[in-house]
Amino acid sequence: MIMTMFDCCGYNNGTDFLATGAQFTHRDSYGGHNFPLIPYPAPCCKKGHIGEGALECPQMFTELNSNYLRGCNKGLHHSLKKPVMLIALGSLVIPIVAQTDTDARAKLTHPPVHEVNV
């Protein structure tokens, strides 16, 4: 889902699926078609470029029909940057507002003492 959303393949790029220990079985299915012995998952194919032919993605990955050279890391970092910044800002603002509210309540419950000069 992430790869189709960001038009990417793997975290760094498609070679992530070729690495030792990769959890990819080199089989995938898409649109009711099974694709055995493919180098990268079908979601690495560009939208509209998936077909059953030997020269089509995911049977053959090229720069024109797939995103196998483009990793998802930049897209993920870019899309998460704003929400993370908002959460960080909120975590700073909430304690300040809470402290201000506490100070205001203290002033209401303890009226100021006026000195009387005799």
Protein backbone atom coordinates (compact mmCIF):
# COMPACT_ATOMS: atom_id res chain seq x y z
CA MET A 1 0.00 0.00 0.00
CA ILE A 2 2.80 2.44 0.86
CA MET A 3 4.64 1.65 -2.37
CA THR A 4 1.57 2.33 -4.52
CA MET A 5 0.71 5.45 -2.51
CA PHE A 6 4.20 6.99 -2.87
CA ASP A 7 5.09 5.47 -6.28
CA CYS A 8 8.18 3.78 -4.86
CA CYS A 9 9.75 0.36 -4.27
CA GLY A 10 11.30 -0.76 -0.97
CA TYR A 11 12.72 1.57 1.65
CA ASN A 12 15.95 2.43 -0.19
CA ASN A 13 14.94 0.96 -3.59
CA GLY A 14 14.04 -2.39 -5.12
CA THR A 15 17.34 -3.99 -4.14
CA ASP A 16 15.94 -4.21 -0.60
CA PHE A 17 13.93 -7.21 -1.85
CA LEU A 18 17.09 -8.92 -3.16
CA ALA A 19 18.99 -8.62 0.13
CA THR A 20 19.77 -11.64 2.28
CA GLY A 21 16.98 -12.10 4.79
CA ALA A 22 14.41 -10.16 2.74
CA GLN A 23 10.88 -11.41 3.43
CA PHE A 24 9.91 -11.48 -0.28
CA THR A 25 9.16 -14.86 -1.90
CA HIS A 26 9.60 -13.59 -5.50
CA ARG A 27 5.96 -14.47 -6.17
CA ASP A 28 3.09 -12.03 -6.22
CA SER A 29 -0.42 -11.63 -7.57
CA TYR A 30 -2.21 -8.59 -8.85
CA GLY A 31 -5.61 -8.16 -10.48
CA GLY A 32 -6.28 -11.90 -10.39
CA HIS A 33 -2.99 -12.77 -12.12
CA ASN A 34 -0.20 -14.76 -10.47
CA PHE A 35 3.39 -13.73 -11.11
CA PRO A 36 5.97 -16.39 -10.14
CA LEU A 37 9.71 -15.76 -10.10
CA ILE A 38 9.71 -11.97 -10.23
CA PRO A 39 12.60 -9.88 -8.84
CA TYR A 40 10.44 -7.24 -7.11
CA PRO A 41 6.85 -7.12 -5.79
CA ALA A 42 4.08 -6.11 -8.21
CA PRO A 43 3.38 -2.84 -6.28
CA CYS A 44 6.82 -1.66 -7.51
CA CYS A 45 5.24 -1.41 -10.99
CA LYS A 46 3.92 1.99 -12.03
CA LYS A 47 0.15 2.32 -12.08
CA GLY A 48 -1.26 1.19 -15.40
CA HIS A 49 1.90 -0.72 -16.39
CA ILE A 50 1.11 -4.15 -14.97
CA GLY A 51 0.51 -6.86 -17.53
CA GLU A 52 0.97 -10.56 -18.17
CA GLY A 53 3.36 -10.20 -21.12
CA ALA A 54 7.03 -11.16 -20.78
CA LEU A 55 8.12 -7.55 -21.43
CA GLU A 56 5.60 -6.01 -19.05
CA CYS A 57 5.94 -5.26 -15.36
CA PRO A 58 6.30 -7.30 -13.11
CA GLN A 59 7.84 -9.83 -15.54
CA MET A 60 10.39 -7.20 -16.60
CA PHE A 61 11.16 -4.10 -14.54
CA THR A 62 12.40 -0.99 -16.36
CA GLU A 63 12.65 2.66 -15.41
CA LEU A 64 9.68 3.38 -17.68
CA ASN A 65 7.27 0.78 -16.28
CA SER A 66 8.29 0.64 -12.62
CA ASN A 67 9.63 2.47 -9.58
CA TYR A 68 12.23 -0.18 -8.71
CA LEU A 69 15.01 2.43 -8.52
CA ARG A 70 13.02 4.82 -6.32
CA GLY A 71 12.89 4.06 -2.60
CA CYS A 72 10.05 5.08 -0.30
CA ASN A 73 12.27 6.67 2.35
CA LYS A 74 12.13 10.24 0.99
CA GLY A 75 8.37 10.15 0.47
CA LEU A 76 7.79 8.74 3.95
CA HIS A 77 10.08 11.28 5.60
CA HIS A 78 8.43 14.15 3.71
CA SER A 79 4.88 13.03 4.54
CA LEU A 80 5.66 12.40 8.22
CA LYS A 81 7.61 15.62 8.76
CA LYS A 82 4.60 17.92 9.25
CA PRO A 83 2.60 15.62 11.60
CA VAL A 84 5.69 14.97 13.72
CA MET A 85 6.41 18.70 13.95
CA LEU A 86 2.79 19.39 14.98
CA ILE A 87 2.96 16.71 17.67
CA ALA A 88 6.26 18.11 18.95
CA LEU A 89 4.85 21.65 19.00
CA GLY A 90 1.72 20.44 20.78
CA SER A 91 3.78 18.67 23.42
CA LEU A 92 5.51 21.99 24.14
CA VAL A 93 2.37 24.16 24.10
CA ILE A 94 0.16 21.96 26.31
CA PRO A 95 2.38 22.20 29.43
CA ILE A 96 2.65 25.99 29.00
CA VAL A 97 -1.13 26.37 28.71
CA ALA A 98 -1.65 24.03 31.68
CA GLN A 99 0.80 26.04 33.81
CA THR A 100 -0.86 29.32 32.83
CA ASP A 101 -4.25 27.87 33.74
CA THR A 102 -2.91 26.68 37.12
CA ASP A 103 -1.44 30.12 37.84
CA ALA A 104 -4.76 31.80 36.95
CA ARG A 105 -6.72 29.45 39.24
CA ALA A 106 -4.30 30.11 42.10
CA LYS A 107 -4.93 33.83 41.80
CA LEU A 108 -8.70 33.29 41.92
CA THR A 109 -8.63 31.09 45.01
CA HIS A 110 -6.16 33.23 46.93
CA PRO A 111 -7.14 36.89 46.70
CA PRO A 112 -4.28 39.32 47.13
CA VAL A 113 -3.54 40.48 50.67
CA HIS A 114 -3.57 44.26 51.08
CA GLU A 115 -1.40 45.81 53.71
CA VAL A 116 -3.06 48.26 56.01
CA ASN A 117 -0.80 51.03 57.26
CA VAL A 118 -1.67 52.25 60.70
